[in-house]
C-alpha atoms as a PDB file:
ATOM      1  CA  UNK A   1      22.143   0.520 -29.439  1.00  0.00           C
ATOM      2  CA  UNK A   2      22.903  -1.194 -26.135  1.00  0.00           C
ATOM      3  CA  UNK A   3      20.139  -2.951 -24.225  1.00  0.00           C
ATOM      4  CA  UNK A   4      20.073  -0.391 -21.419  1.00  0.00           C
ATOM      5  CA  UNK A   5      19.568   2.443 -23.904  1.00  0.00           C
ATOM      6  CA  UNK A   6      16.404   1.004 -25.466  1.00  0.00           C
ATOM      7  CA  UNK A   7      13.158   2.595 -24.284  1.00  0.00           C
ATOM      8  CA  UNK A   8      11.061  -0.359 -25.470  1.00  0.00           C
ATOM      9  CA  UNK A   9       9.531  -1.919 -22.366  1.00  0.00           C
ATOM     10  CA  UNK A  10       9.622  -5.406 -23.909  1.00  0.00           C
ATOM     11  CA  UNK A  11      13.432  -5.175 -24.142  1.00  0.00           C
ATOM     12  CA  UNK A  12      13.579  -4.827 -20.353  1.00  0.00           C
ATOM     13  CA  UNK A  13      11.404  -7.797 -19.371  1.00  0.00           C
ATOM     14  CA  UNK A  14      14.322  -9.521 -17.623  1.00  0.00           C
ATOM     15  CA  UNK A  15      14.978  -6.440 -15.505  1.00  0.00           C
ATOM     16  CA  UNK A  16      11.285  -6.078 -14.714  1.00  0.00           C
ATOM     17  CA  UNK A  17      11.124  -9.738 -13.635  1.00  0.00           C
ATOM     18  CA  UNK A  18      14.209  -9.275 -11.454  1.00  0.00           C
ATOM     19  CA  UNK A  19      12.731  -6.211  -9.740  1.00  0.00           C
ATOM     20  CA  UNK A  20       9.315  -7.851  -9.239  1.00  0.00           C
ATOM     21  CA  UNK A  21      10.604 -11.204  -7.918  1.00  0.00           C
ATOM     22  CA  UNK A  22      11.028 -10.197  -4.237  1.00  0.00           C
ATOM     23  CA  UNK A  23       7.608  -8.553  -4.203  1.00  0.00           C
ATOM     24  CA  UNK A  24       6.015 -11.632  -5.795  1.00  0.00           C
ATOM     25  CA  UNK A  25       7.552 -13.752  -3.027  1.00  0.00           C
ATOM     26  CA  UNK A  26       5.803 -11.579  -0.440  1.00  0.00           C
ATOM     27  CA  UNK A  27       2.550 -11.845  -2.392  1.00  0.00           C
ATOM     28  CA  UNK A  28       3.066 -15.634  -2.663  1.00  0.00           C
ATOM     29  CA  UNK A  29       2.372 -15.840  -6.371  1.00  0.00           C
ATOM     30  CA  UNK A  30       4.262 -16.085  -9.633  1.00  0.00           C
ATOM     31  CA  UNK A  31       6.169 -13.001 -10.727  1.00  0.00           C
ATOM     32  CA  UNK A  32       3.970 -12.266 -13.739  1.00  0.00           C
ATOM     33  CA  UNK A  33       0.791 -12.642 -11.649  1.00  0.00           C
ATOM     34  CA  UNK A  34       1.967 -10.274  -8.915  1.00  0.00           C
ATOM     35  CA  UNK A  35       0.582  -6.802  -8.451  1.00  0.00           C
ATOM     36  CA  UNK A  36       4.163  -5.538  -8.260  1.00  0.00           C
ATOM     37  CA  UNK A  37       4.879  -6.795 -11.792  1.00  0.00           C
ATOM     38  CA  UNK A  38       1.955  -4.823 -13.210  1.00  0.00           C
ATOM     39  CA  UNK A  39       2.981  -1.767 -11.155  1.00  0.00           C
ATOM     40  CA  UNK A  40       6.514  -1.972 -12.525  1.00  0.00           C
ATOM     41  CA  UNK A  41       5.458  -2.464 -16.154  1.00  0.00           C
ATOM     42  CA  UNK A  42       3.070   0.472 -15.854  1.00  0.00           C
ATOM     43  CA  UNK A  43       5.824   2.624 -14.405  1.00  0.00           C
ATOM     44  CA  UNK A  44       8.284   1.612 -17.140  1.00  0.00           C
ATOM     45  CA  UNK A  45       5.741   2.863 -19.684  1.00  0.00           C
ATOM     46  CA  UNK A  46       5.362   6.145 -17.758  1.00  0.00           C
ATOM     47  CA  UNK A  47       9.149   6.537 -17.528  1.00  0.00           C
ATOM     48  CA  UNK A  48       9.363   6.188 -21.292  1.00  0.00           C
ATOM     49  CA  UNK A  49       7.534   9.513 -21.564  1.00  0.00           C
ATOM     50  CA  UNK A  50       9.763  11.390 -19.100  1.00  0.00           C
ATOM     51  CA  UNK A  51      13.142   9.838 -19.976  1.00  0.00           C
ATOM     52  CA  UNK A  52      15.811  12.241 -21.189  1.00  0.00           C
ATOM     53  CA  UNK A  53      18.856  10.529 -22.726  1.00  0.00           C
ATOM     54  CA  UNK A  54      20.775  13.808 -22.427  1.00  0.00           C
ATOM     55  CA  UNK A  55      21.162  13.284 -18.675  1.00  0.00           C
ATOM     56  CA  UNK A  56      23.719  10.551 -19.251  1.00  0.00           C
ATOM     57  CA  UNK A  57      21.708   7.834 -17.506  1.00  0.00           C
ATOM     58  CA  UNK A  58      20.650   4.624 -19.220  1.00  0.00           C
ATOM     59  CA  UNK A  59      16.921   4.117 -19.549  1.00  0.00           C
ATOM     60  CA  UNK A  60      17.154   0.797 -17.705  1.00  0.00           C
ATOM     61  CA  UNK A  61      18.794   2.492 -14.693  1.00  0.00           C
ATOM     62  CA  UNK A  62      16.389   5.415 -14.714  1.00  0.00           C
ATOM     63  CA  UNK A  63      13.211   3.360 -15.088  1.00  0.00           C
ATOM     64  CA  UNK A  64      14.485   0.525 -12.882  1.00  0.00           C
ATOM     65  CA  UNK A  65      15.224   2.799  -9.931  1.00  0.00           C
ATOM     66  CA  UNK A  66      11.932   4.643 -10.290  1.00  0.00           C
ATOM     67  CA  UNK A  67       9.998   1.363 -10.655  1.00  0.00           C
ATOM     68  CA  UNK A  68      11.630  -0.107  -7.538  1.00  0.00           C
ATOM     69  CA  UNK A  69      10.476   2.890  -5.520  1.00  0.00           C
ATOM     70  CA  UNK A  70       6.949   2.683  -6.916  1.00  0.00           C
ATOM     71  CA  UNK A  71       6.714  -1.083  -6.319  1.00  0.00           C
ATOM     72  CA  UNK A  72       8.026  -0.699  -2.770  1.00  0.00           C
ATOM     73  CA  UNK A  73       5.641   2.166  -1.997  1.00  0.00           C
ATOM     74  CA  UNK A  74       2.653   0.285  -3.425  1.00  0.00           C
ATOM     75  CA  UNK A  75       3.599  -2.861  -1.493  1.00  0.00           C
ATOM     76  CA  UNK A  76       3.806  -0.818   1.705  1.00  0.00           C
ATOM     77  CA  UNK A  77       0.406   0.680   0.956  1.00  0.00           C
ATOM     78  CA  UNK A  78      -1.157  -2.745   0.368  1.00  0.00           C
ATOM     79  CA  UNK A  79       0.400  -4.213   3.518  1.00  0.00           C
ATOM     80  CA  UNK A  80      -0.594  -1.131   5.510  1.00  0.00           C
ATOM     81  CA  UNK A  81      -4.222  -1.491   4.476  1.00  0.00           C
ATOM     82  CA  UNK A  82      -4.145  -5.175   5.360  1.00  0.00           C
ATOM     83  CA  UNK A  83      -2.673  -4.404   8.779  1.00  0.00           C
ATOM     84  CA  UNK A  84      -5.710  -2.238   9.547  1.00  0.00           C
ATOM     85  CA  UNK A  85      -8.075  -5.095   8.866  1.00  0.00           C
ATOM     86  CA  UNK A  86      -5.543  -7.865   9.412  1.00  0.00           C
ATOM     87  CA  UNK A  87      -7.906 -10.083  11.327  1.00  0.00           C
ATOM     88  CA  UNK A  88      -9.486 -12.751   9.159  1.00  0.00           C
ATOM     89  CA  UNK A  89      -8.421 -11.312   5.818  1.00  0.00           C
ATOM     90  CA  UNK A  90      -6.457 -13.591   3.531  1.00  0.00           C
ATOM     91  CA  UNK A  91      -3.017 -12.145   2.874  1.00  0.00           C
ATOM     92  CA  UNK A  92      -3.631 -11.965  -0.877  1.00  0.00           C
ATOM     93  CA  UNK A  93      -7.042 -10.302  -0.613  1.00  0.00           C
ATOM     94  CA  UNK A  94      -7.020  -6.613  -1.350  1.00  0.00           C
ATOM     95  CA  UNK A  95      -9.409  -4.500   0.637  1.00  0.00           C
ATOM     96  CA  UNK A  96     -10.043  -0.989  -0.632  1.00  0.00           C
ATOM     97  CA  UNK A  97     -10.398   0.372   2.893  1.00  0.00           C
ATOM     98  CA  UNK A  98     -10.057   4.053   2.117  1.00  0.00           C
ATOM     99  CA  UNK A  99     -12.392   3.829  -0.872  1.00  0.00           C
ATOM    100  CA  UNK A 100     -15.023   2.307   1.374  1.00  0.00           C
ATOM    101  CA  UNK A 101     -15.753  -0.536  -1.036  1.00  0.00           C
ATOM    102  CA  UNK A 102     -14.888  -4.199  -0.700  1.00  0.00           C
ATOM    103  CA  UNK A 103     -13.753  -5.953  -3.853  1.00  0.00           C
ATOM    104  CA  UNK A 104     -14.711  -9.292  -2.396  1.00  0.00           C
ATOM    105  CA  UNK A 105     -18.126 -10.375  -1.148  1.00  0.00           C
ATOM    106  CA  UNK A 106     -16.339 -12.090   1.776  1.00  0.00           C
ATOM    107  CA  UNK A 107     -14.800  -8.768   2.766  1.00  0.00           C
ATOM    108  CA  UNK A 108     -18.070  -6.832   2.687  1.00  0.00           C
ATOM    109  CA  UNK A 109     -19.028  -8.059   6.162  1.00  0.00           C
ATOM    110  CA  UNK A 110     -15.557  -7.312   7.463  1.00  0.00           C
ATOM    111  CA  UNK A 111     -15.684  -3.805   6.029  1.00  0.00           C
ATOM    112  CA  UNK A 112     -19.015  -3.211   7.754  1.00  0.00           C
ATOM    113  CA  UNK A 113     -17.526  -4.451  11.040  1.00  0.00           C
ATOM    114  CA  UNK A 114     -14.581  -2.074  10.631  1.00  0.00           C
ATOM    115  CA  UNK A 115     -16.910   0.854   9.873  1.00  0.00           C
ATOM    116  CA  UNK A 116     -18.942   0.127  13.012  1.00  0.00           C
ATOM    117  CA  UNK A 117     -15.757  -0.156  15.090  1.00  0.00           C
ATOM    118  CA  UNK A 118     -14.435   3.114  13.609  1.00  0.00           C
ATOM    119  CA  UNK A 119     -17.602   4.861  14.816  1.00  0.00           C
ATOM    120  CA  UNK A 120     -16.898   3.589  18.338  1.00  0.00           C
ATOM    121  CA  UNK A 121     -13.398   5.072  18.397  1.00  0.00           C
ATOM    122  CA  UNK A 122     -12.575   8.399  19.981  1.00  0.00           C
ATOM    123  CA  UNK A 123     -12.963  11.102  17.274  1.00  0.00           C
ATOM    124  CA  UNK A 124      -9.293  12.048  17.540  1.00  0.00           C
ATOM    125  CA  UNK A 125      -8.152   8.432  17.118  1.00  0.00           C
ATOM    126  CA  UNK A 126     -10.539   7.992  14.196  1.00  0.00           C
ATOM    127  CA  UNK A 127      -9.148  11.133  12.572  1.00  0.00           C
ATOM    128  CA  UNK A 128      -5.554   9.936  13.052  1.00  0.00           C
ATOM    129  CA  UNK A 129      -6.358   6.615  11.333  1.00  0.00           C
ATOM    130  CA  UNK A 130      -8.232   8.315   8.493  1.00  0.00           C
ATOM    131  CA  UNK A 131      -5.423  10.811   7.908  1.00  0.00           C
ATOM    132  CA  UNK A 132      -2.833   8.039   7.965  1.00  0.00           C
ATOM    133  CA  UNK A 133      -4.840   6.087   5.373  1.00  0.00           C
ATOM    134  CA  UNK A 134      -4.608   9.188   3.190  1.00  0.00           C
ATOM    135  CA  UNK A 135      -0.819   8.829   3.629  1.00  0.00           C
ATOM    136  CA  UNK A 136      -0.377  11.995   5.682  1.00  0.00           C
ATOM    137  CA  UNK A 137       2.818  12.130   7.722  1.00  0.00           C
ATOM    138  CA  UNK A 138       2.768  11.826  11.500  1.00  0.00           C
ATOM    139  CA  UNK A 139       4.292  15.312  11.757  1.00  0.00           C
ATOM    140  CA  UNK A 140       1.348  16.778   9.843  1.00  0.00           C
ATOM    141  CA  UNK A 141      -1.186  14.749  11.811  1.00  0.00           C
ATOM    142  CA  UNK A 142       0.393  15.899  15.065  1.00  0.00           C
ATOM    143  CA  UNK A 143       0.347  19.529  13.932  1.00  0.00           C
ATOM    144  CA  UNK A 144      -3.384  19.337  13.217  1.00  0.00           C
ATOM    145  CA  UNK A 145      -4.094  17.946  16.690  1.00  0.00           C
ATOM    146  CA  UNK A 146      -1.440  19.927  18.535  1.00  0.00           C
ATOM    147  CA  UNK A 147       0.934  17.162  19.529  1.00  0.00           C
ATOM    148  CA  UNK A 148       4.332  15.796  18.491  1.00  0.00           C
ATOM    149  CA  UNK A 149       5.161  13.340  15.738  1.00  0.00           C
ATOM    150  CA  UNK A 150       6.021  10.658  18.314  1.00  0.00           C
ATOM    151  CA  UNK A 151       2.714  11.131  20.133  1.00  0.00           C
ATOM    152  CA  UNK A 152       0.835  11.021  16.820  1.00  0.00           C
ATOM    153  CA  UNK A 153       2.540   7.720  16.006  1.00  0.00           C
ATOM    154  CA  UNK A 154       1.714   6.281  19.452  1.00  0.00           C
ATOM    155  CA  UNK A 155      -1.894   7.456  19.099  1.00  0.00           C
ATOM    156  CA  UNK A 156      -2.103   5.778  15.704  1.00  0.00           C
ATOM    157  CA  UNK A 157      -0.694   2.485  17.034  1.00  0.00           C
ATOM    158  CA  UNK A 158      -3.099   2.548  19.987  1.00  0.00           C
ATOM    159  CA  UNK A 159      -6.013   3.343  17.657  1.00  0.00           C
ATOM    160  CA  UNK A 160      -5.197   0.458  15.321  1.00  0.00           C
ATOM    161  CA  UNK A 161      -4.935  -1.956  18.252  1.00  0.00           C
ATOM    162  CA  UNK A 162      -8.177  -0.638  19.722  1.00  0.00           C
ATOM    163  CA  UNK A 163      -9.859  -0.955  16.321  1.00  0.00           C
ATOM    164  CA  UNK A 164      -8.799  -4.609  16.091  1.00  0.00           C
ATOM    165  CA  UNK A 165     -10.016  -5.258  19.637  1.00  0.00           C
ATOM    166  CA  UNK A 166     -13.357  -3.579  18.916  1.00  0.00           C
ATOM    167  CA  UNK A 167     -13.937  -5.657  15.796  1.00  0.00           C
ATOM    168  CA  UNK A 168     -13.072  -8.876  17.604  1.00  0.00           C
ATOM    169  CA  UNK A 169     -15.277  -7.903  20.555  1.00  0.00           C
ATOM    170  CA  UNK A 170     -18.178  -7.009  18.270  1.00  0.00           C
ATOM    171  CA  UNK A 171     -17.757 -10.366  16.491  1.00  0.00           C
ATOM    172  CA  UNK A 172     -17.861 -12.189  19.816  1.00  0.00           C
ATOM    173  CA  UNK A 173     -21.040 -10.357  20.837  1.00  0.00           C
ATOM    174  CA  UNK A 174     -22.754 -11.212  17.538  1.00  0.00           C
ATOM    175  CA  UNK A 175     -21.777 -14.886  17.726  1.00  0.00           C
END
């Protein structure tokens, strides 16, 4: 059996490391300590269950391509969440914004500041941000509010900037 045909995840550690390396560089940590590495290993295990050798594709190609997409999507999601609360949050900290819980005690105050600022936003802007955090597309968000995809995207960008400004302003008032 060739290496690419094996469905044992341990046989594909080199491939997993190669896929995770660019993501680990973004996370500024070793490959094995990166969130992308764990995402990829988890997805390789899931692909083992759905792999069909009758399709004529090697397991390494099938799982590798799927894992790249998952790692990229998860990295985008993590960076997206950090961009919402990008002020004063260490790049490696993970803030569970949409879950409403901070994993870090340091982030608890920041999360409260963001919640207060979200309440100060226009309801439509708040809804656009909340829908985007649930990974809805701009087309769908626009359809709900009766405007185009481009306008939904502009509204989102304005809302994020306004949210940042509100948090910084509220911090200045408290200090």
